[in-house]
Amino acid sequence: MKVLWPFVRMLGVHRGWVALGVLLSLITLLSAIGLLTLSGWFISASALAGVTALGAKQFNYFTPGAGVRGFAIFRTVGRYFERITTHEATFRVLAHLRSWFYRRLELLGPARLQSYRSADLLNRLVTDINALDNLYLRVLVPTLVAGAVGLLVVLFLAAFSVAVAQVTAVALLLAGVLLPWGAQLAGRRAGRTQLLAISALRTRLLALVQGQVDLQIYGGVAPAVEQVHQAEVVLQKTQLRMAMINGLTTAMMTLIAGGAGIAALILGIELVHEEVLVPAQLAMLVFCVLAVFEAVAPLPLAFQYWSKTSAAAGRLVEITEQKAEINFPDQSVEPEQPGRVEFNDICFRYDKAAPWVLEHFSLSVCPGERLLILGHTGSGKSSLINLLARFHEPDSGSLHLAGQPIQAYDEPTLRSQMSVLSQPVQLFAGSVADNLRLADVDATDQQMLHVLAQVALNDELGEDPLHYQVGESGSRLSGGQRKRMGLARALLKPAPLLLLDEPTEGLDARTEAVVVGAMLSHFRGRTLLMISHHLQMAEHFDRIIVLDRGTVIEQGAPEELMARAESRYNQLRAV
């Protein structure tokens, strides 16, 4: 219960809907029991009254008939609004949970989340949170209502027969406490296994769909499908076990209810013989005893899935209780020199057991300067962006942005100081305009068309490029078009620092020249740090930095480096 307690407290956010759902459930269940109880008395009393003409003439059919109709109406209307209310409360709680969980994920940042697969996080966000609907809809509400209804019915029965009330109370304890407890024990292992099996199946299905092209090319479809089949077999076995447990508990519930009804009938017959009860009251008590088990009938199934619910809550808490590696201050300093960047003796690695990615790295960039950073794969180029974006913290050294320590900025201020094109480019299903407005929600159509022209995309997307649908993850665009879409989005953001990671990857030489030339000529005044393997247009940058194993091995103006016959820059040009 400890792992579920935080989620129980969250029900307080929608306590009005929660309380209304409990109240309507109580009214509906009492109406159902009242309907069957009153009907039992009414039918029996009517039959006895009809034995004699005088009895039939004196019998009041109207009042109990109105009561039966009233209970029926309350039961029908109450059930309708109870379902609407409890499900509305459940959906609101689940929506709140998803927002809460996503906010916790966002706070952890890439440094903490890189150890989790995206499919696993998606399963926790969807499957595990969906499993928590069992907590309110099938556990809390039915348990509270069953307890209240059981107590009221036992008190009602005790007014006519203490013995019948005692038998009913014992039967309710068996059906409402012992049987759910047994179902919870029986379903403990299967429930947890079922949750993990659903997660494994969805992960494999997602991998199968996302990797379909490569699987087709390399002949890996059959093994991937077989893995999906094996995961499905595991899930089906757990579902079969849970279904068998449910069938057994349903049979036990029927047996207990039937036994309580028979015991009430036997005790009631003796009370009729002793003239403590009239015959019509006997039928009333028996029907009441049978009806009250509707209150406890849902409990075994709900508690059978208790372990699944607890496991889902545990998987969520496992993520949300982690501490973020990057913490932003509540109050921010003001940038003094927008566009200035200073790396001072930075040492950084992604894991303590891994080699240094940047080792005693120092670099100073002036506002408005345009730098081209060169180096082979693994030389530490992309790590510079990760540090500037504060996705990671350096192990030692200091990093200043706009004349202030980067740790002194709150997150909104830090994000406003830079625009980043990372690898790979992430596009979202929707139009070109939808993707561009992520950079600037207030951007006009003219501004977006202008930036598309700068990256040579305006003529490739039809007559109305802003409304062109890019597809899931940009699937309707080529690799070069996706890269240029990401670049256009980065250029659109009005930030003083522009960080571009391989912006011309996948472009032909002509398009690359057009894009880089337009970027350098139309976006003057902004500091530019461009990471690239390509040397075309390199002479148009103010300075070139060459990295190797996390260290600056060469830097200078393009003409200065070209003048050195043995410079690494000239060696790269000769390749």
Protein backbone atom coordinates (compact mmCIF):
# COMPACT_ATOMS: atom_id res chain seq x y z
CA MET A 1 0.00 0.00 0.00
CA LYS A 2 2.96 2.30 0.61
CA VAL A 3 3.83 2.50 -3.08
CA LEU A 4 0.21 3.35 -3.93
CA TRP A 5 -0.23 6.03 -1.29
CA PRO A 6 1.13 8.92 -3.43
CA PHE A 7 -1.42 8.05 -6.10
CA VAL A 8 -4.24 7.86 -3.54
CA ARG A 9 -3.32 11.39 -2.41
CA MET A 10 -3.54 12.59 -6.00
CA LEU A 11 -7.24 11.79 -5.97
CA GLY A 12 -7.60 14.92 -3.85
CA VAL A 13 -6.95 17.03 -6.96
CA HIS A 14 -10.34 15.86 -8.27
CA ARG A 15 -11.96 15.19 -4.91
CA GLY A 16 -15.29 16.67 -6.06
CA TRP A 17 -15.65 14.12 -8.87
CA VAL A 18 -14.30 11.35 -6.62
CA ALA A 19 -16.78 12.09 -3.82
CA LEU A 20 -19.69 12.42 -6.25
CA GLY A 21 -18.81 9.07 -7.78
CA VAL A 22 -18.78 7.40 -4.35
CA LEU A 23 -22.12 9.01 -3.43
CA LEU A 24 -23.82 7.97 -6.67
CA SER A 25 -22.44 4.43 -6.33
CA LEU A 26 -23.85 4.25 -2.82
CA ILE A 27 -27.27 5.52 -3.92
CA THR A 28 -27.35 3.15 -6.89
CA LEU A 29 -26.44 0.09 -4.84
CA LEU A 30 -28.88 0.91 -2.05
CA SER A 31 -31.60 1.40 -4.68
CA ALA A 32 -30.83 -2.01 -6.20
CA ILE A 33 -30.97 -3.72 -2.81
CA GLY A 34 -34.10 -1.79 -1.86
CA LEU A 35 -35.76 -2.78 -5.15
CA LEU A 36 -35.17 -6.49 -4.64
CA THR A 37 -36.01 -6.37 -0.93
CA LEU A 38 -39.26 -4.45 -1.38
CA SER A 39 -40.21 -6.57 -4.39
CA GLY A 40 -39.80 -9.74 -2.31
CA TRP A 41 -42.10 -8.39 0.36
CA PHE A 42 -44.60 -6.94 -2.14
CA ILE A 43 -44.98 -10.13 -4.17
CA SER A 44 -45.31 -12.32 -1.10
CA ALA A 45 -47.72 -9.94 0.64
CA SER A 46 -49.83 -9.63 -2.52
CA ALA A 47 -50.03 -13.40 -2.86
CA LEU A 48 -51.08 -13.83 0.77
CA ALA A 49 -53.59 -11.00 0.55
CA GLY A 50 -55.20 -12.66 -2.46
CA VAL A 51 -56.02 -15.78 -0.50
CA THR A 52 -59.24 -14.18 0.74
CA ALA A 53 -61.52 -11.63 -0.93
CA LEU A 54 -61.46 -9.41 2.14
CA GLY A 55 -57.65 -9.48 2.30
CA ALA A 56 -57.39 -8.59 -1.38
CA LYS A 57 -59.84 -5.73 -0.94
CA GLN A 58 -58.02 -4.27 2.07
CA PHE A 59 -54.49 -4.70 0.76
CA ASN A 60 -52.74 -1.45 -0.24
CA TYR A 61 -51.11 -2.10 -3.63
CA PHE A 62 -50.31 1.51 -4.43
CA THR A 63 -47.72 2.50 -1.82
CA PRO A 64 -45.36 -0.49 -2.24
CA GLY A 65 -45.92 -0.36 -6.00
CA ALA A 66 -44.80 3.25 -6.02
CA GLY A 67 -41.82 2.26 -3.88
CA VAL A 68 -40.80 -0.46 -6.36
CA ARG A 69 -41.06 1.96 -9.27
CA GLY A 70 -39.12 4.60 -7.31
CA PHE A 71 -36.29 2.20 -6.49
CA ALA A 72 -36.20 1.04 -10.13
CA ILE A 73 -35.96 4.62 -11.39
CA PHE A 74 -33.29 5.53 -8.86
CA ARG A 75 -31.34 2.39 -9.72
CA THR A 76 -31.45 3.01 -13.47
CA VAL A 77 -30.77 6.74 -13.39
CA GLY A 78 -28.23 6.37 -10.58
CA ARG A 79 -26.33 3.66 -12.47
CA TYR A 80 -26.16 5.86 -15.57
CA PHE A 81 -24.82 8.91 -13.77
CA GLU A 82 -22.62 6.79 -11.50
CA ARG A 83 -20.87 5.31 -14.55
CA ILE A 84 -20.46 8.74 -16.11
CA THR A 85 -19.15 10.27 -12.89
CA THR A 86 -16.74 7.51 -11.87
CA HIS A 87 -15.32 7.20 -15.37
CA GLU A 88 -15.01 10.98 -15.68
CA ALA A 89 -13.15 11.04 -12.38
CA THR A 90 -10.93 8.17 -13.54
CA PHE A 91 -10.07 9.85 -16.85
CA ARG A 92 -9.33 13.14 -15.10
CA VAL A 93 -7.07 11.38 -12.60
CA LEU A 94 -5.26 9.50 -15.39
CA ALA A 95 -4.79 12.72 -17.37
CA HIS A 96 -3.39 14.39 -14.25
CA LEU A 97 -1.08 11.41 -13.70
CA ARG A 98 0.28 11.59 -17.24
CA SER A 99 1.01 15.30 -16.91
CA TRP A 100 2.59 14.72 -13.49
CA PHE A 101 4.75 11.87 -14.78
CA TYR A 102 5.86 13.78 -17.87
CA ARG A 103 6.86 16.78 -15.75
CA ARG A 104 8.99 14.47 -13.62
CA LEU A 105 10.56 13.00 -16.75
CA GLU A 106 11.33 16.45 -18.12
CA LEU A 107 13.09 17.46 -14.91
CA LEU A 108 15.42 14.47 -15.11
CA GLY A 109 16.83 15.58 -18.45
CA PRO A 110 18.87 13.60 -20.98
CA ALA A 111 21.69 12.85 -18.54
CA ARG A 112 19.43 10.72 -16.35
CA LEU A 113 17.06 9.36 -18.99
CA GLN A 114 19.72 8.09 -21.39
CA SER A 115 19.83 4.78 -19.47
CA TYR A 116 16.18 4.05 -20.35
CA ARG A 117 14.80 2.91 -23.66
CA SER A 118 12.23 5.24 -25.18
CA ALA A 119 9.79 2.32 -25.63
CA ASP A 120 10.11 1.53 -21.91
CA LEU A 121 9.36 5.12 -20.95
CA LEU A 122 6.39 5.13 -23.33
CA ASN A 123 5.05 1.97 -21.68
CA ARG A 124 5.30 3.55 -18.27
CA LEU A 125 3.57 6.68 -19.52
CA VAL A 126 0.71 4.72 -21.13
CA THR A 127 0.40 1.12 -19.89
CA ASP A 128 1.44 1.61 -16.27
CA ILE A 129 -0.69 4.71 -15.79
CA ASN A 130 -3.66 2.96 -17.43
CA ALA A 131 -3.23 0.13 -14.90
CA LEU A 132 -3.84 2.63 -12.11
CA ASP A 133 -7.48 3.06 -13.17
CA ASN A 134 -7.99 -0.10 -11.10
CA LEU A 135 -7.10 1.89 -7.97
CA TYR A 136 -10.04 4.32 -8.00
CA LEU A 137 -12.59 2.69 -10.28
CA ARG A 138 -12.33 -0.91 -9.08
CA VAL A 139 -10.76 -0.78 -5.62
CA LEU A 140 -11.40 2.41 -3.67
CA VAL A 141 -14.98 3.18 -4.74
CA PRO A 142 -16.32 -0.43 -4.55
CA THR A 143 -14.55 -1.03 -1.21
CA LEU A 144 -15.91 2.13 0.41
CA VAL A 145 -19.40 1.52 -0.95
CA ALA A 146 -19.36 -2.18 0.01
CA GLY A 147 -18.36 -1.32 3.57
CA ALA A 148 -21.09 1.30 3.95
CA VAL A 149 -23.81 -0.79 2.30
CA GLY A 150 -22.84 -3.94 4.21
CA LEU A 151 -23.09 -2.11 7.53
CA LEU A 152 -26.48 -0.56 6.67
CA VAL A 153 -27.94 -3.86 5.47
CA VAL A 154 -26.74 -5.76 8.55
CA LEU A 155 -28.34 -3.12 10.79
CA PHE A 156 -31.55 -3.38 8.75
CA LEU A 157 -31.60 -7.18 9.11
CA ALA A 158 -30.86 -6.96 12.82
CA ALA A 159 -34.08 -4.97 13.29
CA PHE A 160 -35.97 -8.13 12.27
CA SER A 161 -33.57 -10.94 13.27
CA VAL A 162 -30.21 -10.77 14.97
CA ALA A 163 -29.42 -14.32 13.85
CA VAL A 164 -30.01 -13.53 10.17
CA ALA A 165 -27.93 -10.36 10.54
CA GLN A 166 -25.06 -12.32 12.10
CA VAL A 167 -25.10 -14.97 9.36
CA THR A 168 -25.14 -12.24 6.72
CA ALA A 169 -22.28 -10.36 8.40
CA VAL A 170 -20.12 -13.51 8.47
CA ALA A 171 -20.92 -14.25 4.82
CA LEU A 172 -20.08 -10.67 3.84
CA LEU A 173 -16.74 -10.93 5.65
CA LEU A 174 -15.98 -14.15 3.78
CA ALA A 175 -17.01 -12.72 0.40
CA GLY A 176 -15.80 -9.15 0.91
CA VAL A 177 -12.58 -9.67 2.88
CA LEU A 178 -11.34 -13.26 2.82
CA LEU A 179 -12.16 -13.95 -0.84
CA PRO A 180 -10.53 -10.72 -2.16
CA TRP A 181 -7.50 -11.41 0.01
CA GLY A 182 -7.22 -14.92 -1.47
CA ALA A 183 -7.67 -13.54 -4.98
CA GLN A 184 -4.93 -10.99 -4.32
CA LEU A 185 -2.53 -13.72 -3.18
CA ALA A 186 -3.42 -15.98 -6.11
CA GLY A 187 -2.98 -13.19 -8.65
CA ARG A 188 0.12 -11.60 -7.14
CA ARG A 189 2.70 -13.25 -9.37
CA ALA A 190 0.51 -13.43 -12.48
CA GLY A 191 -0.49 -9.77 -12.17
CA ARG A 192 3.10 -8.56 -12.06
CA THR A 193 4.06 -10.91 -14.87
CA GLN A 194 1.15 -9.66 -16.96
CA LEU A 195 2.26 -6.04 -16.58
CA LEU A 196 5.82 -6.86 -17.63
CA ALA A 197 4.55 -9.06 -20.48
CA ILE A 198 2.42 -6.21 -21.86
CA SER A 199 5.43 -3.91 -21.67
CA ALA A 200 7.68 -6.45 -23.42
CA LEU A 201 5.11 -7.07 -26.15
CA ARG A 202 4.63 -3.37 -26.87
CA THR A 203 8.38 -2.78 -26.90
CA ARG A 204 8.93 -5.57 -29.43
CA LEU A 205 6.01 -4.43 -31.57
CA LEU A 206 7.34 -0.87 -31.59
CA ALA A 207 10.81 -2.12 -32.59
CA LEU A 208 9.24 -4.25 -35.34
CA VAL A 209 7.31 -1.32 -36.80
CA GLN A 210 10.12 1.23 -36.51
CA GLY A 211 12.76 -1.10 -37.91
CA GLN A 212 10.64 -2.60 -40.67
CA VAL A 213 12.77 -1.21 -43.52
CA ASP A 214 16.07 -2.55 -42.17
CA LEU A 215 14.46 -5.84 -41.15
CA GLN A 216 13.16 -6.28 -44.68
CA ILE A 217 16.54 -5.47 -46.21
CA TYR A 218 18.54 -7.81 -43.98
CA GLY A 219 15.97 -10.59 -43.75
CA GLY A 220 15.27 -10.10 -40.08
CA VAL A 221 11.47 -9.92 -40.25
CA ALA A 222 10.87 -13.59 -39.36
CA PRO A 223 13.04 -13.56 -36.19
CA ALA A 224 11.48 -10.27 -35.10
CA VAL A 225 7.96 -11.64 -35.62
CA GLU A 226 8.94 -14.76 -33.67
CA GLN A 227 10.08 -12.60 -30.76
CA VAL A 228 6.73 -10.82 -30.83
CA HIS A 229 4.97 -14.18 -30.88
CA GLN A 230 6.95 -15.41 -27.85
CA ALA A 231 6.09 -12.24 -25.93
CA GLU A 232 2.44 -12.72 -26.86
CA VAL A 233 2.50 -16.34 -25.65
CA VAL A 234 3.79 -15.20 -22.24
CA LEU A 235 1.04 -12.58 -22.05
CA GLN A 236 -1.67 -15.09 -23.03
CA LYS A 237 -0.51 -17.51 -20.33
CA THR A 238 -0.80 -14.83 -17.65
CA GLN A 239 -4.20 -13.76 -18.98
CA LEU A 240 -5.40 -17.39 -18.87
CA ARG A 241 -4.23 -17.75 -15.27
CA MET A 242 -5.95 -14.52 -14.26
CA ALA A 243 -9.13 -15.65 -16.01
CA MET A 244 -9.07 -18.97 -14.13
CA ILE A 245 -8.60 -17.17 -10.81
CA ASN A 246 -11.51 -14.89 -11.69
CA GLY A 247 -13.72 -17.85 -12.56
CA LEU A 248 -12.88 -19.58 -9.30
CA THR A 249 -13.56 -16.48 -7.18
CA THR A 250 -16.84 -15.87 -9.02
CA ALA A 251 -17.93 -19.43 -8.26
CA MET A 252 -16.94 -19.00 -4.60
CA MET A 253 -18.88 -15.73 -4.45
CA THR A 254 -21.98 -17.44 -5.82
CA LEU A 255 -21.56 -20.30 -3.34
CA ILE A 256 -21.20 -17.95 -0.35
CA ALA A 257 -24.18 -15.83 -1.44
CA GLY A 258 -26.31 -18.92 -2.01
CA GLY A 259 -25.28 -20.39 1.33
CA ALA A 260 -26.14 -17.15 3.13
CA GLY A 261 -29.54 -17.07 1.38
CA ILE A 262 -30.31 -20.68 2.39
CA ALA A 263 -29.21 -20.02 5.98
CA ALA A 264 -31.40 -16.91 6.13
CA LEU A 265 -34.33 -18.92 4.76
CA ILE A 266 -33.90 -21.68 7.37
CA LEU A 267 -33.60 -19.21 10.22
CA GLY A 268 -36.50 -17.18 8.87
CA ILE A 269 -38.80 -20.22 8.69
CA GLU A 270 -38.22 -20.86 12.38
CA LEU A 271 -39.00 -17.21 13.16
CA VAL A 272 -42.22 -17.46 11.13
CA HIS A 273 -43.21 -20.56 13.13
CA GLU A 274 -42.47 -18.66 16.31
CA GLU A 275 -44.59 -15.80 14.91
CA VAL A 276 -41.67 -13.38 15.28
CA LEU A 277 -41.91 -12.70 11.54
CA VAL A 278 -44.88 -12.66 9.24
CA PRO A 279 -44.49 -14.77 6.04
CA ALA A 280 -44.07 -11.75 3.76
CA GLN A 281 -41.15 -10.50 5.88
CA LEU A 282 -39.40 -13.84 5.39
CA ALA A 283 -39.28 -13.30 1.64
CA MET A 284 -38.15 -9.74 2.22
CA LEU A 285 -35.18 -10.81 4.39
CA VAL A 286 -34.09 -13.58 2.02
CA PHE A 287 -34.18 -11.29 -0.99
CA CYS A 288 -32.31 -8.64 0.97
CA VAL A 289 -29.57 -11.10 1.93
CA LEU A 290 -29.17 -12.21 -1.68
CA ALA A 291 -29.14 -8.65 -2.97
CA VAL A 292 -26.46 -7.35 -0.59
CA PHE A 293 -23.79 -9.53 -2.24
CA GLU A 294 -23.96 -7.24 -5.25
CA ALA A 295 -21.96 -4.82 -3.09
CA VAL A 296 -19.01 -7.20 -2.60
CA ALA A 297 -19.15 -9.01 -5.95
CA PRO A 298 -16.59 -6.69 -7.71
CA LEU A 299 -14.00 -6.89 -4.90
CA PRO A 300 -12.27 -10.22 -5.67
CA LEU A 301 -11.53 -9.21 -9.27
CA ALA A 302 -10.31 -5.77 -8.18
CA PHE A 303 -7.93 -7.16 -5.56
CA GLN A 304 -6.86 -9.93 -7.91
CA TYR A 305 -5.22 -7.20 -10.00
CA TRP A 306 -3.83 -5.43 -6.93
CA SER A 307 -0.32 -6.71 -7.60
CA LYS A 308 -0.52 -5.46 -11.18
CA THR A 309 -1.61 -2.05 -9.93
CA SER A 310 1.14 -2.00 -7.30
CA ALA A 311 3.76 -3.06 -9.85
CA ALA A 312 2.63 -0.29 -12.21
CA ALA A 313 2.83 2.26 -9.40
CA GLY A 314 6.29 0.97 -8.46
CA ARG A 315 7.55 1.35 -12.03
CA LEU A 316 6.33 4.94 -12.09
CA VAL A 317 7.80 5.77 -8.70
CA GLU A 318 11.12 4.25 -9.79
CA ILE A 319 11.38 7.06 -12.34
CA THR A 320 9.82 9.92 -10.40
CA GLU A 321 11.91 9.42 -7.25
CA GLN A 322 15.16 9.82 -9.14
CA LYS A 323 17.02 13.06 -8.65
CA ALA A 324 17.89 15.22 -11.62
CA GLU A 325 21.59 15.63 -12.30
CA ILE A 326 20.98 19.18 -13.51
CA ASN A 327 19.28 21.66 -11.20
CA PHE A 328 18.31 25.15 -12.30
CA PRO A 329 18.01 28.08 -9.86
CA ASP A 330 14.63 29.64 -9.15
CA GLN A 331 15.92 33.11 -9.97
CA SER A 332 18.12 33.95 -12.91
CA VAL A 333 20.86 36.45 -13.59
CA GLU A 334 20.61 38.76 -16.60
CA PRO A 335 22.85 38.10 -19.64
CA GLU A 336 25.56 40.78 -19.88
CA GLN A 337 27.08 39.97 -23.28
CA PRO A 338 24.61 37.93 -25.35
CA GLY A 339 26.40 35.58 -27.70
CA ARG A 340 29.66 35.32 -25.73
CA VAL A 341 30.80 31.78 -24.81
CA GLU A 342 33.74 30.79 -22.61
CA PHE A 343 34.96 27.26 -21.89
CA ASN A 344 37.62 27.36 -19.19
CA ASP A 345 39.72 24.19 -18.65
CA ILE A 346 36.71 21.89 -19.10
CA CYS A 347 37.05 18.16 -18.37
CA PHE A 348 34.03 16.04 -19.18
CA ARG A 349 33.00 12.42 -19.71
CA TYR A 350 29.62 10.74 -19.89
CA ASP A 351 30.51 7.97 -17.47
CA LYS A 352 33.08 7.71 -14.71
CA ALA A 353 34.48 4.53 -16.24
CA ALA A 354 34.67 6.04 -19.74
CA PRO A 355 37.58 8.02 -21.21
CA TRP A 356 37.50 11.80 -21.24
CA VAL A 357 35.40 13.32 -24.03
CA LEU A 358 36.78 16.80 -23.37
CA GLU A 359 40.07 17.15 -21.51
CA HIS A 360 41.27 20.55 -20.30
CA PHE A 361 39.29 22.17 -23.07
CA SER A 362 39.32 25.96 -23.29
CA LEU A 363 37.68 28.18 -25.87
CA SER A 364 36.52 31.80 -25.94
CA VAL A 365 33.96 32.99 -28.49
CA CYS A 366 33.17 36.67 -28.97
CA PRO A 367 29.64 37.97 -29.65
CA GLY A 368 28.84 37.80 -33.35
CA GLU A 369 31.81 35.55 -34.15
CA ARG A 370 31.30 32.71 -36.60
CA LEU A 371 33.19 29.52 -35.74
CA LEU A 372 33.52 26.29 -37.66
CA ILE A 373 34.41 23.33 -35.43
CA LEU A 374 36.06 20.41 -37.20
CA GLY A 375 37.09 16.97 -36.01
CA HIS A 376 36.54 13.29 -36.57
CA THR A 377 33.68 11.35 -34.97
CA GLY A 378 34.18 11.06 -31.21
CA SER A 379 36.43 14.09 -30.94
CA GLY A 380 34.00 15.86 -28.58
CA LYS A 381 32.30 18.28 -30.94
CA SER A 382 28.67 17.42 -30.05
CA SER A 383 29.56 17.39 -26.35
CA LEU A 384 30.11 21.15 -26.56
CA ILE A 385 26.41 21.58 -27.41
CA ASN A 386 25.37 19.19 -24.63
CA LEU A 387 27.29 21.26 -22.11
CA LEU A 388 26.03 24.61 -23.40
CA ALA A 389 22.44 23.33 -23.30
CA ARG A 390 23.11 21.98 -19.77
CA PHE A 391 22.05 18.49 -20.71
CA HIS A 392 25.20 17.47 -18.83
CA GLU A 393 27.54 19.12 -16.36
CA PRO A 394 31.34 19.23 -16.77
CA ASP A 395 33.39 17.23 -14.28
CA SER A 396 35.68 20.18 -13.76
CA GLY A 397 36.34 23.63 -15.15
CA SER A 398 33.89 26.48 -15.71
CA LEU A 399 31.53 27.47 -18.49
CA HIS A 400 30.26 31.02 -18.99
CA LEU A 401 27.51 32.17 -21.31
CA ALA A 402 26.81 35.84 -22.10
CA GLY A 403 29.27 36.88 -19.39
CA GLN A 404 27.62 34.86 -16.58
CA PRO A 405 28.25 31.37 -15.15
CA ILE A 406 25.92 29.03 -16.99
CA GLN A 407 24.70 27.57 -13.67
CA ALA A 408 23.34 31.00 -12.69
CA TYR A 409 20.60 30.96 -15.35
CA ASP A 410 17.16 29.52 -14.77
CA GLU A 411 16.01 27.22 -17.56
CA PRO A 412 13.78 29.67 -19.51
CA THR A 413 16.54 32.30 -19.59
CA LEU A 414 19.15 29.76 -20.65
CA ARG A 415 16.94 28.40 -23.45
CA SER A 416 16.26 31.93 -24.69
CA GLN A 417 19.98 32.54 -25.21
CA MET A 418 20.56 29.82 -27.79
CA SER A 419 19.03 28.03 -30.75
CA VAL A 420 20.20 24.47 -31.35
CA LEU A 421 20.19 22.11 -34.31
CA SER A 422 21.04 18.70 -32.90
CA GLN A 423 21.46 15.23 -34.35
CA PRO A 424 19.23 13.60 -35.34
CA VAL A 425 16.61 16.18 -36.28
CA GLN A 426 13.27 15.45 -34.58
CA LEU A 427 10.22 16.46 -36.58
CA PHE A 428 6.62 15.99 -35.48
CA ALA A 429 3.60 14.83 -37.42
CA GLY A 430 1.86 17.92 -38.73
CA SER A 431 2.51 20.74 -41.13
CA VAL A 432 5.73 22.56 -41.85
CA ALA A 433 4.32 25.59 -40.02
CA ASP A 434 3.55 23.47 -36.96
CA ASN A 435 7.16 22.35 -36.79
CA LEU A 436 8.60 25.80 -37.39
CA ARG A 437 6.46 27.44 -34.71
CA LEU A 438 8.17 25.31 -32.07
CA ALA A 439 10.99 27.83 -32.41
CA ASP A 440 8.80 30.94 -32.36
CA VAL A 441 5.07 30.69 -31.67
CA ASP A 442 4.57 34.27 -32.83
CA ALA A 443 6.33 33.83 -36.17
CA THR A 444 4.39 35.18 -39.13
CA ASP A 445 3.88 33.30 -42.38
CA GLN A 446 6.24 35.74 -44.08
CA GLN A 447 9.00 35.04 -41.57
CA MET A 448 8.59 31.30 -41.97
CA LEU A 449 8.60 31.52 -45.76
CA HIS A 450 11.73 33.66 -45.58
CA VAL A 451 13.62 31.12 -43.48
CA LEU A 452 12.49 28.28 -45.76
CA ALA A 453 13.95 30.22 -48.67
CA GLN A 454 17.25 30.54 -46.80
CA VAL A 455 17.54 26.74 -46.60
CA ALA A 456 16.31 26.22 -50.19
CA LEU A 457 13.13 24.42 -49.15
CA ASN A 458 10.42 26.80 -50.32
CA ASP A 459 10.33 25.45 -53.89
CA GLU A 460 10.55 21.78 -52.90
CA LEU A 461 7.36 21.56 -50.82
CA GLY A 462 4.76 22.59 -53.36
CA GLU A 463 2.81 25.77 -53.85
CA ASP A 464 1.85 26.06 -50.18
CA PRO A 465 4.94 24.87 -48.29
CA LEU A 466 3.75 25.98 -44.84
CA HIS A 467 0.79 23.60 -44.98
CA TYR A 468 2.79 20.67 -46.34
CA GLN A 469 2.32 17.63 -44.06
CA VAL A 470 5.72 16.22 -43.07
CA GLY A 471 4.38 12.88 -41.80
CA GLU A 472 5.34 10.88 -38.71
CA SER A 473 8.88 11.96 -37.69
CA GLY A 474 9.19 13.71 -41.05
CA SER A 475 8.69 10.48 -43.02
CA ARG A 476 7.45 12.38 -46.10
CA LEU A 477 10.73 14.29 -46.35
CA SER A 478 14.10 13.09 -47.58
CA GLY A 479 17.06 13.00 -45.22
CA GLY A 480 18.40 16.28 -46.59
CA GLN A 481 14.99 17.94 -46.37
CA ARG A 482 14.58 16.86 -42.75
CA LYS A 483 17.98 18.33 -41.96
CA ARG A 484 17.08 21.62 -43.65
CA MET A 485 13.72 21.71 -41.82
CA GLY A 486 15.61 21.44 -38.55
CA LEU A 487 17.99 24.15 -39.67
CA ALA A 488 15.10 26.43 -40.66
CA ARG A 489 13.58 25.94 -37.21
CA ALA A 490 16.89 26.78 -35.54
CA LEU A 491 17.35 29.90 -37.65
CA LEU A 492 13.81 31.08 -36.93
CA LYS A 493 14.36 31.28 -33.20
CA PRO A 494 15.50 34.83 -32.25
CA ALA A 495 18.43 33.77 -30.05
CA PRO A 496 21.86 35.46 -29.95
CA LEU A 497 23.74 32.11 -30.07
CA LEU A 498 23.26 29.61 -32.88
CA LEU A 499 24.57 26.04 -32.31
CA LEU A 500 24.46 23.84 -35.40
CA ASP A 501 25.49 20.18 -35.34
CA GLU A 502 26.19 18.94 -38.88
CA PRO A 503 23.57 21.22 -40.52
CA THR A 504 24.62 20.24 -44.06
CA GLU A 505 24.76 16.46 -43.56
CA GLY A 506 23.00 14.72 -46.43
CA LEU A 507 23.09 17.75 -48.74
CA ASP A 508 24.73 17.82 -52.14
CA ALA A 509 27.58 20.29 -52.70
CA ARG A 510 25.40 22.82 -54.55
CA THR A 511 22.64 22.88 -51.92
CA GLU A 512 25.21 23.01 -49.14
CA ALA A 513 26.84 26.07 -50.69
CA VAL A 514 23.45 27.80 -51.06
CA VAL A 515 22.39 27.01 -47.49
CA VAL A 516 25.66 27.95 -45.79
CA GLY A 517 26.06 31.09 -47.92
CA ALA A 518 22.53 32.28 -47.11
CA MET A 519 23.01 31.51 -43.43
CA LEU A 520 26.26 33.45 -43.17
CA SER A 521 24.98 36.46 -45.11
CA HIS A 522 21.45 36.83 -43.73
CA PHE A 523 22.05 36.09 -40.06
CA ARG A 524 24.93 38.39 -39.25
CA GLY A 525 25.17 39.69 -35.71
CA ARG A 526 24.44 36.29 -34.15
CA THR A 527 27.20 34.13 -32.72
CA LEU A 528 27.51 30.95 -34.76
CA LEU A 529 29.11 27.68 -33.65
CA MET A 530 28.84 25.21 -36.50
CA ILE A 531 30.02 21.61 -36.18
CA SER A 532 30.77 19.91 -39.47
CA HIS A 533 32.85 17.36 -41.31
CA HIS A 534 32.58 19.40 -44.49
CA LEU A 535 35.07 22.10 -45.45
CA GLN A 536 33.07 23.72 -48.23
CA MET A 537 32.53 27.41 -47.43
CA ALA A 538 35.02 27.10 -44.54
CA GLU A 539 36.87 30.20 -45.74
CA HIS A 540 33.80 32.32 -44.99
CA PHE A 541 34.00 31.68 -41.22
CA ASP A 542 35.87 33.97 -38.85
CA ARG A 543 37.70 31.15 -37.11
CA ILE A 544 38.19 27.43 -37.47
CA ILE A 545 38.66 25.11 -34.49
CA VAL A 546 40.08 21.62 -35.00
CA LEU A 547 39.37 19.10 -32.21
CA ASP A 548 41.01 15.76 -31.54
CA ARG A 549 40.24 13.59 -28.51
CA GLY A 550 38.56 16.44 -26.71
CA THR A 551 41.39 18.92 -27.11
CA VAL A 552 41.87 21.91 -29.37
CA ILE A 553 44.85 21.00 -31.54
CA GLU A 554 44.55 23.88 -33.93
CA GLN A 555 42.65 27.10 -34.34
CA GLY A 556 42.81 30.28 -36.34
CA ALA A 557 41.40 32.24 -39.26
CA PRO A 558 40.91 30.17 -42.46
CA GLU A 559 43.59 32.06 -44.38
CA GLU A 560 46.01 31.67 -41.49
CA LEU A 561 45.53 27.90 -41.34
CA MET A 562 45.77 27.56 -45.11
CA ALA A 563 49.08 29.39 -45.02
CA ARG A 564 50.55 26.67 -42.80
CA ALA A 565 51.57 23.82 -45.09
CA GLU A 566 51.52 21.22 -42.29
CA SER A 567 48.32 22.37 -40.59
CA ARG A 568 45.66 19.79 -39.74
CA TYR A 569 43.19 21.95 -41.62
CA ASN A 570 45.15 21.53 -44.85
CA GLN A 571 45.40 17.79 -44.20
CA LEU A 572 41.62 17.62 -43.90
CA ARG A 573 41.22 19.61 -47.10
CA ALA A 574 43.49 17.17 -48.90
CA VAL A 575 41.39 14.15 -47.93
